[in-house]
Amino acid sequence: MNNCMKLLPVAVKCQQRTISTTAVLEGKRNFRKFVVYNKRGTRVVKEAQRTMANPPVPIHKRGVRDTGIKIDGNYIEIPEKIPELIVPDLTGCKLKPYVSYKAPDVVQSEFTSLDLFNAIYSKKIIEDFKAGTLQADGSAKEPSPNEQLTAEEAYQRARKTGTDIF
């Protein structure tokens, strides 16, 4: 029982609250939460980033894609990888660059190959069938300009600007 009495004042003394005038971190800061790309690492790591094909810590490019490739330490520029911005000439355009929030929503289903076929070829096929001007294999005796296109010409025409407007 005597030992318990001796420990009691020590336990009460440890639970006292104190006020400190210094900062809690005591001058230490956590710099890991600050995103600082390509600034950390020893000289060995930086040399590995420059020389190795796949370094252990890759160089962060901040979202910018390369416009070339590196072959035997030489950087070769590829013209196809350079972005080309095609901007139409809008002089004399009466449209404004603002769309009101009150504008009605445009709901349009996906334009499929069947829709394209129905829009371009179906009228001519029905007319030829009713007139009886189809050959035995189903092709037209008098093909329209759209029916005379080769696959490459049709592809090029479909890829042109403004082909989505009917």
Foldseek 3Di string as FASTA:
>chain_A
DVVVVVCVVVVVVVPDDDDDPDDPCNPDDDCVVPDDFPPDDDPVQVVQQQPPPDGPDHHDPPPDDDQFDADPNDTDGDVVSDDDDDDDDCPPPPDDPDDDPPDDDDDDDDCDVVNVCCVPPPVVLVVCVVVVQADPVSHGPDDDPVVPDDPVRVVVVCPDPPNVPD
